[in-house]
Amino acid sequence: MAMNDPRWGQNNNDGPPDLEELWRRFNKRFGSFGQKGNGSGGNESSGPLPQIGGGIVIIIALLIWAASGIYIVDASERGVVFRFGRHLETTQPGPHWHIPWPVGSREIVNVSEVRTIEVGYRNSAKNKVPNEALMLTDDENIVDLQFAVQYVRTNPEDYLFFNRDPDQAVKQAGESAIREIVGKSKMDFVLQEGREELAVDARNLMQVVLDRYQTGITVSQVTIQNAQPPDQVQASFDDAVKAKQDQERQKNEGQAYYNDIVPKAQGAAARLAQEAEAYRGRVVAAAKGEAARFESVLAEYIKAPKVTRERIYLDTMQSIFTNATKVYIDQKDNSNLLFLPLDKLIGSGSTRNSSSFDTGMDQVSDIDSGISGNDDESRTRDAFRVRDREAR
C-alpha cells in the first residue's frame, strides 16, 4: 500500500494490527476480572475487586524480583556484591541474597581454577604466532620461544576493580618478562641448559609486575614448551650443534686417554723411583760393608802383617781360580805341566746341551776319583804347595 493511499492507517487484513485497538482489548480483558453481570445481561463493575487483582499482580512481581537476588556460592568461588555499582561485600561459599537489579548486583569469581594463557602458539606447538615467539638474545641472535602461563585468581576484589582485562594483562606481563630475561641471556643458554632457570625467573618477574598492577592474580607456573632457532636457520643451527657435539665427544675421548695413560706413567715413574732407591740403598749398604770389612782387615793387618797378607793373597787367588775354566798345576822340579780341560768337562759352554753336560760331569767325577786314588800325585801336589809357601 502506498503512502498516498486514502486507506493508509485503517485496520485491514493486509496491514499490521492497530496498536490502540490491541491496548483497548487488553484493558478490557484485564478489567473483566472481578466484574459480575446484571439481570439485563450488561457488565457492572464491583468496585474494589479490580484493585485487589492489581495488588496480587504487584505482589507476585515483587516476589519474583526479590527472588532474583538469591544466589549460591560454591566452595571454590567467592561472591562480590555491588550496590549502585559500589563494592558492598565479598561473600563466602553458601547461599546468599542481595538486593536485585537495578539497586544491586553480584559477580562470582572462581578462586581455585587454574587458568592457562599460551604465548607464541595456540593449542599446539605447530600453530606458531611469530610476533609473540621470536625474541632477541644478548648475543644478537633470534630464538623461537613458546611458553604457557598458569595462574589463579586469588583476590576477587582486585581482579574485578583495578584492571579492565586482567587475563590480557597476564599475557602481556608474561611476554614482557620473557623478552627481558631472554634479552639478557646468551642463545646457547636459552636453547639448552637454561630453560628451567628461565622459567623460574620469568614467573618471579611476572608476579612482581602483576602485584604492582593489583590484578589479584597469582602465577603458579611458567612452562617453556619449545625453544629453538627460527625455521629459516634451523639447518645451519643443526650443523653447529653437531659440530659442538663432535667437539665434546673428542674432548671426552682425549680425557679418557689421559685418564688411562697418566696413571700408568705415574705408576711406572713411582716404580722406577722405588727401584732406584732400592739400588741406592743396596750400593750404599755394600759400600759401607766393604768399608767396615776393610777397616776390620786393616786392624788385623796392623796386628799381624804377614799372616794377613797371606790370607788376602789366598782369598784373592781363590776368587780368581773359582771363576776360571782351566786349572794349571806347575811342578818346579821337573817342570811338568798338567792341563785339565775342565771347561769341557763341567759343561760351562753356552752351546752345550743337557746330555753333554751330564756326560762331562760323569767324566769329571771319574777324573776326581782317579786323582783321589793316586796317592803319589796327591802327595806331590801337597809338597809343591808347602814348598811354594816356604819360598814366599
Protein backbone atom coordinates (compact mmCIF):
# COMPACT_ATOMS: atom_id res chain seq x y z
CA MET A 1 0.00 0.00 0.00
CA ALA A 2 1.28 3.40 -1.00
CA MET A 3 1.63 6.22 1.47
CA ASN A 4 -0.82 8.40 -0.51
CA ASP A 5 -3.49 5.70 -0.36
CA PRO A 6 -6.58 7.02 1.49
CA ARG A 7 -6.88 3.66 3.29
CA TRP A 8 -3.48 4.16 4.95
CA GLY A 9 -3.78 3.71 8.73
CA GLN A 10 -7.01 1.77 8.58
CA ASN A 11 -7.30 -1.69 10.04
CA ASN A 12 -7.48 -4.36 7.32
CA ASN A 13 -6.35 -7.88 6.87
CA ASP A 14 -3.33 -6.97 4.77
CA GLY A 15 -1.62 -4.45 7.16
CA PRO A 16 -0.23 -4.72 10.69
CA PRO A 17 -2.65 -4.70 13.65
CA ASP A 18 -3.70 -1.41 15.23
CA LEU A 19 -1.80 -0.82 18.49
CA GLU A 20 -4.53 1.28 20.04
CA GLU A 21 -7.05 -1.45 19.36
CA LEU A 22 -4.79 -4.07 20.96
CA TRP A 23 -4.35 -1.86 24.03
CA ARG A 24 -8.11 -1.40 24.42
CA ARG A 25 -8.67 -5.14 24.19
CA PHE A 26 -6.03 -5.77 26.85
CA ASN A 27 -7.57 -3.24 29.24
CA LYS A 28 -11.00 -4.67 28.62
CA ARG A 29 -9.86 -8.23 29.41
CA PHE A 30 -7.85 -7.16 32.46
CA GLY A 31 -10.82 -5.13 33.79
CA SER A 32 -13.20 -8.03 33.35
CA PHE A 33 -11.65 -9.78 36.39
CA GLY A 34 -13.86 -9.16 39.50
CA GLN A 35 -16.88 -7.98 37.47
CA LYS A 36 -20.29 -9.62 37.55
CA GLY A 37 -23.21 -9.40 35.12
CA ASN A 38 -26.64 -7.87 35.93
CA GLY A 39 -30.04 -9.15 35.09
CA SER A 40 -30.13 -7.29 31.78
CA GLY A 41 -27.06 -9.10 30.57
CA GLY A 42 -24.79 -6.00 30.90
CA ASN A 43 -21.44 -5.78 32.82
CA GLU A 44 -21.28 -3.83 36.07
CA SER A 45 -18.05 -3.06 38.00
CA SER A 46 -17.95 -4.33 41.56
CA GLY A 47 -15.62 -1.54 42.87
CA PRO A 48 -12.68 -2.88 44.95
CA LEU A 49 -12.23 -6.19 43.08
CA PRO A 50 -10.15 -4.74 40.23
CA GLN A 51 -7.79 -3.13 42.78
CA ILE A 52 -7.35 -6.47 44.60
CA GLY A 53 -6.39 -8.20 41.35
CA GLY A 54 -3.85 -5.50 40.54
CA GLY A 55 -2.33 -5.76 44.05
CA ILE A 56 -1.86 -9.52 43.68
CA VAL A 57 -0.05 -8.99 40.42
CA ILE A 58 2.21 -6.41 42.02
CA ILE A 59 2.98 -8.69 44.98
CA ILE A 60 3.83 -11.58 42.66
CA ALA A 61 6.08 -9.28 40.65
CA LEU A 62 7.79 -8.09 43.84
CA LEU A 63 8.35 -11.67 44.98
CA ILE A 64 9.82 -12.61 41.64
CA TRP A 65 12.06 -9.54 41.75
CA ALA A 66 13.20 -10.35 45.29
CA ALA A 67 13.83 -13.99 44.41
CA SER A 68 16.17 -12.92 41.62
CA GLY A 69 18.61 -11.75 44.30
CA ILE A 70 19.21 -15.27 45.67
CA TYR A 71 22.49 -16.85 44.60
CA ILE A 72 24.69 -19.74 45.74
CA VAL A 73 28.49 -19.60 46.00
CA ASP A 74 30.42 -22.87 45.56
CA ALA A 75 33.38 -23.91 47.70
CA SER A 76 35.88 -22.84 45.04
CA GLU A 77 34.21 -19.47 44.40
CA ARG A 78 33.74 -16.09 46.03
CA GLY A 79 30.80 -13.72 45.52
CA VAL A 80 31.32 -9.99 45.13
CA VAL A 81 28.18 -7.91 45.85
CA PHE A 82 27.64 -4.41 44.44
CA ARG A 83 25.11 -1.73 45.41
CA PHE A 84 24.61 1.04 42.88
CA GLY A 85 27.90 -0.13 41.28
CA ARG A 86 29.90 0.18 44.50
CA HIS A 87 31.53 -2.78 46.23
CA LEU A 88 29.48 -3.78 49.25
CA GLU A 89 30.89 -7.11 50.45
CA THR A 90 32.58 -10.36 49.44
CA THR A 91 30.60 -13.46 50.35
CA GLN A 92 31.96 -16.88 51.23
CA PRO A 93 30.65 -20.26 49.94
CA GLY A 94 26.99 -20.92 50.64
CA PRO A 95 23.53 -19.45 49.78
CA HIS A 96 23.23 -15.64 49.88
CA TRP A 97 20.83 -12.86 48.90
CA HIS A 98 21.42 -9.33 47.64
CA ILE A 99 19.13 -6.55 46.57
CA PRO A 100 18.32 -7.30 42.95
CA TRP A 101 18.89 -5.12 39.96
CA PRO A 102 18.84 -2.17 39.44
CA VAL A 103 19.81 -1.47 43.05
CA GLY A 104 22.34 -4.28 43.49
CA SER A 105 24.27 -6.87 41.53
CA ARG A 106 26.87 -9.56 42.13
CA GLU A 107 29.81 -11.29 40.43
CA ILE A 108 31.01 -14.86 41.03
CA VAL A 109 34.80 -15.39 40.82
CA ASN A 110 36.43 -18.84 40.89
CA VAL A 111 39.49 -18.51 43.14
CA SER A 112 40.83 -22.08 42.72
CA GLU A 113 40.54 -22.62 38.98
CA VAL A 114 43.92 -22.87 37.24
CA ARG A 115 43.75 -20.91 34.03
CA THR A 116 46.28 -21.07 31.20
CA ILE A 117 47.46 -18.48 28.71
CA GLU A 118 49.57 -19.51 25.72
CA VAL A 119 52.22 -17.19 24.33
CA GLY A 120 53.89 -17.85 20.98
CA TYR A 121 51.47 -20.58 19.91
CA ARG A 122 47.82 -21.61 20.04
CA ASN A 123 46.67 -25.08 21.14
CA SER A 124 49.73 -26.78 19.60
CA ALA A 125 53.41 -26.00 19.12
CA LYS A 126 52.87 -26.27 15.36
CA ASN A 127 50.44 -23.35 15.39
CA LYS A 128 53.07 -20.69 15.95
CA VAL A 129 52.48 -16.98 16.41
CA PRO A 130 55.74 -15.42 15.14
CA ASN A 131 55.00 -11.97 16.54
CA GLU A 132 54.94 -13.43 20.05
CA ALA A 133 57.50 -16.23 19.69
CA LEU A 134 60.50 -14.51 18.06
CA MET A 135 62.83 -12.88 20.62
CA LEU A 136 66.28 -11.26 20.54
CA THR A 137 69.07 -12.58 22.78
CA ASP A 138 72.01 -10.77 24.35
CA ASP A 139 74.44 -12.01 21.66
CA GLU A 140 72.18 -10.57 18.91
CA ASN A 141 70.62 -13.86 17.88
CA ILE A 142 66.93 -14.64 17.38
CA VAL A 143 65.21 -17.55 19.10
CA ASP A 144 61.75 -19.01 18.67
CA LEU A 145 60.39 -19.37 22.21
CA GLN A 146 56.93 -20.71 23.12
CA PHE A 147 55.68 -20.91 26.68
CA ALA A 148 52.49 -21.23 28.73
CA VAL A 149 51.50 -19.40 31.92
CA GLN A 150 49.26 -20.99 34.55
CA TYR A 151 47.67 -18.66 37.10
CA VAL A 152 44.93 -18.46 39.74
CA ARG A 153 42.63 -15.54 40.62
CA THR A 154 43.29 -15.28 44.35
CA ASN A 155 41.90 -11.79 45.07
CA PRO A 156 38.42 -11.24 43.58
CA GLU A 157 38.22 -7.54 44.50
CA ASP A 158 41.50 -6.63 42.77
CA TYR A 159 40.66 -8.89 39.85
CA LEU A 160 37.34 -7.09 39.23
CA PHE A 161 38.07 -3.46 40.14
CA PHE A 162 41.63 -2.45 39.25
CA ASN A 163 42.04 -3.78 35.71
CA ARG A 164 39.76 -3.77 32.72
CA ASP A 165 41.10 -7.09 31.32
CA PRO A 166 43.25 -8.93 33.88
CA ASP A 167 43.69 -12.02 31.70
CA GLN A 168 45.16 -9.93 28.91
CA ALA A 169 47.40 -8.28 31.49
CA VAL A 170 48.77 -11.70 32.41
CA LYS A 171 49.65 -12.41 28.80
CA GLN A 172 51.33 -9.05 28.32
CA ALA A 173 53.26 -9.37 31.58
CA GLY A 174 54.44 -12.87 30.65
CA GLU A 175 55.61 -11.83 27.21
CA SER A 176 57.38 -8.78 28.62
CA ALA A 177 59.11 -10.80 31.36
CA ILE A 178 60.32 -13.50 28.96
CA ARG A 179 61.64 -10.94 26.49
CA GLU A 180 63.52 -9.12 29.24
CA ILE A 181 65.17 -12.30 30.52
CA VAL A 182 65.98 -13.63 27.05
CA GLY A 183 67.43 -10.24 26.12
CA LYS A 184 69.93 -10.61 28.98
CA SER A 185 70.91 -14.21 28.15
CA LYS A 186 73.02 -15.92 25.51
CA MET A 187 71.45 -18.00 22.78
CA ASP A 188 73.09 -21.28 23.90
CA PHE A 189 71.88 -20.72 27.46
CA VAL A 190 68.28 -20.19 26.30
CA LEU A 191 68.21 -23.16 23.94
CA GLN A 192 69.99 -25.75 26.08
CA GLU A 193 70.74 -25.67 29.79
CA GLY A 194 68.86 -22.51 30.83
CA ARG A 195 65.22 -23.49 30.30
CA GLU A 196 64.40 -24.27 33.92
CA GLU A 197 66.15 -21.18 35.20
CA LEU A 198 64.48 -19.08 32.52
CA ALA A 199 61.01 -20.30 33.55
CA VAL A 200 61.63 -19.64 37.26
CA ASP A 201 62.95 -16.12 36.65
CA ALA A 202 60.04 -15.34 34.35
CA ARG A 203 57.48 -16.47 36.94
CA ASN A 204 59.07 -14.33 39.66
CA LEU A 205 59.25 -11.26 37.42
CA MET A 206 55.66 -11.73 36.25
CA GLN A 207 54.41 -11.94 39.83
CA VAL A 208 56.16 -8.68 40.71
CA VAL A 209 54.55 -6.91 37.74
CA LEU A 210 51.06 -8.31 38.39
CA ASP A 211 51.23 -7.37 42.09
CA ARG A 212 52.25 -3.86 41.13
CA TYR A 213 49.21 -3.59 38.88
CA GLN A 214 46.94 -5.11 41.57
CA THR A 215 45.48 -7.71 39.28
CA GLY A 216 44.62 -10.13 42.10
CA ILE A 217 46.32 -12.94 40.17
CA THR A 218 48.95 -15.41 41.40
CA VAL A 219 51.18 -17.07 38.82
CA SER A 220 51.56 -20.75 39.68
CA GLN A 221 53.87 -21.94 36.91
CA VAL A 222 55.59 -20.91 33.68
CA THR A 223 56.32 -23.78 31.29
CA ILE A 224 58.70 -23.48 28.33
CA GLN A 225 57.04 -25.51 25.59
CA ASN A 226 59.62 -25.09 22.84
CA ALA A 227 62.85 -23.15 22.34
CA GLN A 228 64.66 -23.34 19.03
CA PRO A 229 66.19 -21.16 16.34
CA PRO A 230 63.92 -19.72 13.65
CA ASP A 231 62.92 -22.10 10.88
CA GLN A 232 64.98 -20.14 8.35
CA VAL A 233 68.28 -21.02 10.08
CA GLN A 234 67.34 -24.36 11.61
CA ALA A 235 69.58 -26.40 9.25
CA SER A 236 72.64 -24.26 9.94
CA PHE A 237 71.99 -24.41 13.63
CA ASP A 238 71.75 -28.21 13.50
CA ASP A 239 75.16 -28.32 11.82
CA ALA A 240 76.61 -26.13 14.54
CA VAL A 241 75.08 -28.34 17.22
CA LYS A 242 76.54 -31.46 15.59
CA ALA A 243 79.96 -29.82 15.43
CA LYS A 244 79.74 -28.92 19.08
CA GLN A 245 78.71 -32.47 19.96
CA ASP A 246 81.70 -33.80 17.99
CA GLN A 247 83.92 -31.41 19.90
CA GLU A 248 82.57 -32.62 23.21
CA ARG A 249 82.97 -36.23 22.11
CA GLN A 250 86.60 -35.68 21.14
CA LYS A 251 87.24 -33.93 24.44
CA ASN A 252 85.77 -36.89 26.27
CA GLU A 253 87.90 -39.32 24.28
CA GLY A 254 91.01 -37.27 25.00
CA GLN A 255 90.14 -37.15 28.67
CA ALA A 256 89.61 -40.90 28.70
CA TYR A 257 93.00 -41.45 27.02
CA TYR A 258 94.58 -39.09 29.55
CA ASN A 259 92.96 -40.97 32.41
CA ASP A 260 94.35 -44.22 31.00
CA ILE A 261 97.92 -43.12 30.20
CA VAL A 262 98.77 -40.77 33.04
CA PRO A 263 98.11 -43.25 35.89
CA LYS A 264 100.23 -45.85 34.10
CA ALA A 265 103.05 -43.36 33.60
CA GLN A 266 102.82 -42.24 37.19
CA GLY A 267 102.91 -45.87 38.35
CA ALA A 268 105.95 -46.61 36.15
CA ALA A 269 107.69 -43.50 37.44
CA ALA A 270 106.98 -44.48 41.03
CA ARG A 271 108.26 -47.99 40.35
CA LEU A 272 111.48 -46.66 38.79
CA ALA A 273 111.93 -44.30 41.70
CA GLN A 274 111.49 -47.15 44.16
CA GLU A 275 113.92 -49.35 42.20
CA ALA A 276 116.45 -46.55 42.12
CA GLU A 277 116.01 -46.01 45.83
CA ALA A 278 116.46 -49.72 46.43
CA TYR A 279 119.61 -49.78 44.24
CA ARG A 280 120.95 -46.78 46.10
CA GLY A 281 120.32 -48.44 49.43
CA ARG A 282 121.93 -51.65 48.22
CA VAL A 283 125.01 -49.92 46.86
CA VAL A 284 125.41 -47.75 49.92
CA ALA A 285 125.00 -50.76 52.19
CA ALA A 286 127.54 -52.73 50.15
CA ALA A 287 129.97 -49.83 50.24
CA LYS A 288 129.54 -49.47 53.96
CA GLY A 289 130.05 -53.22 54.37
CA GLU A 290 133.23 -53.12 52.25
CA ALA A 291 134.47 -50.17 54.23
CA ALA A 292 133.75 -51.93 57.50
CA ARG A 293 135.42 -55.09 56.23
CA PHE A 294 138.45 -53.11 55.08
CA GLU A 295 138.68 -51.44 58.47
CA SER A 296 138.48 -54.83 60.18
CA VAL A 297 141.14 -56.24 57.83
CA LEU A 298 143.31 -53.19 58.47
CA ALA A 299 143.06 -53.73 62.18
CA GLU A 300 144.11 -57.35 61.74
CA TYR A 301 146.90 -56.36 59.34
CA ILE A 302 148.31 -53.98 61.92
CA LYS A 303 148.40 -56.80 64.43
CA ALA A 304 149.88 -59.47 62.07
CA PRO A 305 151.01 -58.12 58.68
CA LYS A 306 152.48 -61.36 57.24
CA VAL A 307 149.55 -63.54 58.16
CA THR A 308 147.05 -61.02 56.95
CA ARG A 309 148.91 -60.55 53.66
CA GLU A 310 148.96 -64.30 53.13
CA ARG A 311 145.29 -64.53 53.95
CA ILE A 312 144.45 -61.79 51.46
CA TYR A 313 146.55 -63.46 48.78
CA LEU A 314 144.90 -66.80 49.28
CA ASP A 315 141.42 -65.31 49.23
CA THR A 316 142.24 -63.42 46.08
CA MET A 317 143.64 -66.45 44.27
CA GLN A 318 140.68 -68.50 45.41
CA SER A 319 138.27 -66.00 43.93
CA ILE A 320 140.27 -65.95 40.69
CA PHE A 321 140.57 -69.69 40.26
CA THR A 322 136.98 -70.22 41.29
CA ASN A 323 135.77 -68.35 38.21
CA ALA A 324 138.43 -69.81 35.87
CA THR A 325 137.58 -72.62 33.41
CA LYS A 326 141.15 -74.06 33.31
CA VAL A 327 143.38 -75.44 36.04
CA TYR A 328 147.19 -75.31 35.72
CA ILE A 329 149.43 -77.28 38.06
CA ASP A 330 153.13 -76.40 37.93
CA GLN A 331 155.97 -78.53 39.26
CA LYS A 332 159.16 -76.57 39.73
CA ASP A 333 161.50 -79.54 39.87
CA ASN A 334 160.68 -81.35 36.62
CA SER A 335 158.65 -78.58 35.00
CA ASN A 336 155.76 -80.89 34.25
CA LEU A 337 152.57 -79.12 33.23
CA LEU A 338 149.24 -80.80 33.77
CA PHE A 339 146.35 -79.45 31.68
CA LEU A 340 142.83 -80.44 32.56
CA PRO A 341 140.05 -79.45 30.05
CA LEU A 342 137.59 -78.62 32.81
CA ASP A 343 135.59 -76.22 30.58
CA LYS A 344 134.51 -79.21 28.51
CA LEU A 345 134.10 -81.45 31.48
CA ILE A 346 131.86 -79.20 33.58
CA GLY A 347 129.87 -78.08 30.54
CA SER A 348 130.24 -74.32 31.05
CA GLY A 349 129.86 -73.52 27.37
CA SER A 350 126.60 -71.92 26.32
CA THR A 351 126.07 -74.26 23.35
CA ARG A 352 126.20 -77.48 25.34
CA ASN A 353 123.01 -79.38 25.86
CA SER A 354 121.92 -81.23 28.94
CA SER A 355 123.18 -84.61 27.68
CA SER A 356 126.69 -83.37 27.04
CA PHE A 357 126.61 -81.60 30.37
CA ASP A 358 125.72 -84.87 32.15
CA THR A 359 128.46 -86.70 30.24
CA GLY A 360 131.06 -84.08 31.16
CA MET A 361 130.03 -84.24 34.82
CA ASP A 362 130.46 -88.00 34.74
CA GLN A 363 133.96 -87.55 33.29
CA VAL A 364 134.80 -85.03 35.97
CA SER A 365 133.61 -87.41 38.65
CA ASP A 366 135.75 -90.20 37.11
CA ILE A 367 138.80 -87.95 36.98
CA ASP A 368 138.27 -86.82 40.52
CA SER A 369 138.02 -90.42 41.66
CA GLY A 370 141.16 -91.26 39.71
CA ILE A 371 143.06 -88.36 41.12
CA SER A 372 141.94 -89.15 44.63
CA GLY A 373 143.04 -92.72 44.06
CA ASN A 374 146.55 -91.75 43.01
CA ASP A 375 148.27 -91.13 46.33
CA ASP A 376 151.64 -90.28 44.82
CA GLU A 377 150.29 -87.45 42.73
CA SER A 378 148.34 -86.13 45.70
CA ARG A 379 151.39 -86.11 47.91
CA THR A 380 153.39 -84.41 45.19
CA ARG A 381 150.87 -81.59 44.89
CA ASP A 382 150.88 -81.11 48.67
CA ALA A 383 154.67 -80.95 48.70
CA PHE A 384 154.61 -78.36 45.93
CA ARG A 385 152.16 -76.20 47.86
CA VAL A 386 154.24 -76.33 51.09
CA ARG A 387 157.42 -75.62 49.18
CA ASP A 388 155.81 -72.65 47.45
CA ARG A 389 154.64 -71.20 50.73
CA GLU A 390 158.11 -71.56 52.27
CA ALA A 391 159.65 -69.82 49.31
CA ARG A 392 157.36 -66.87 49.82
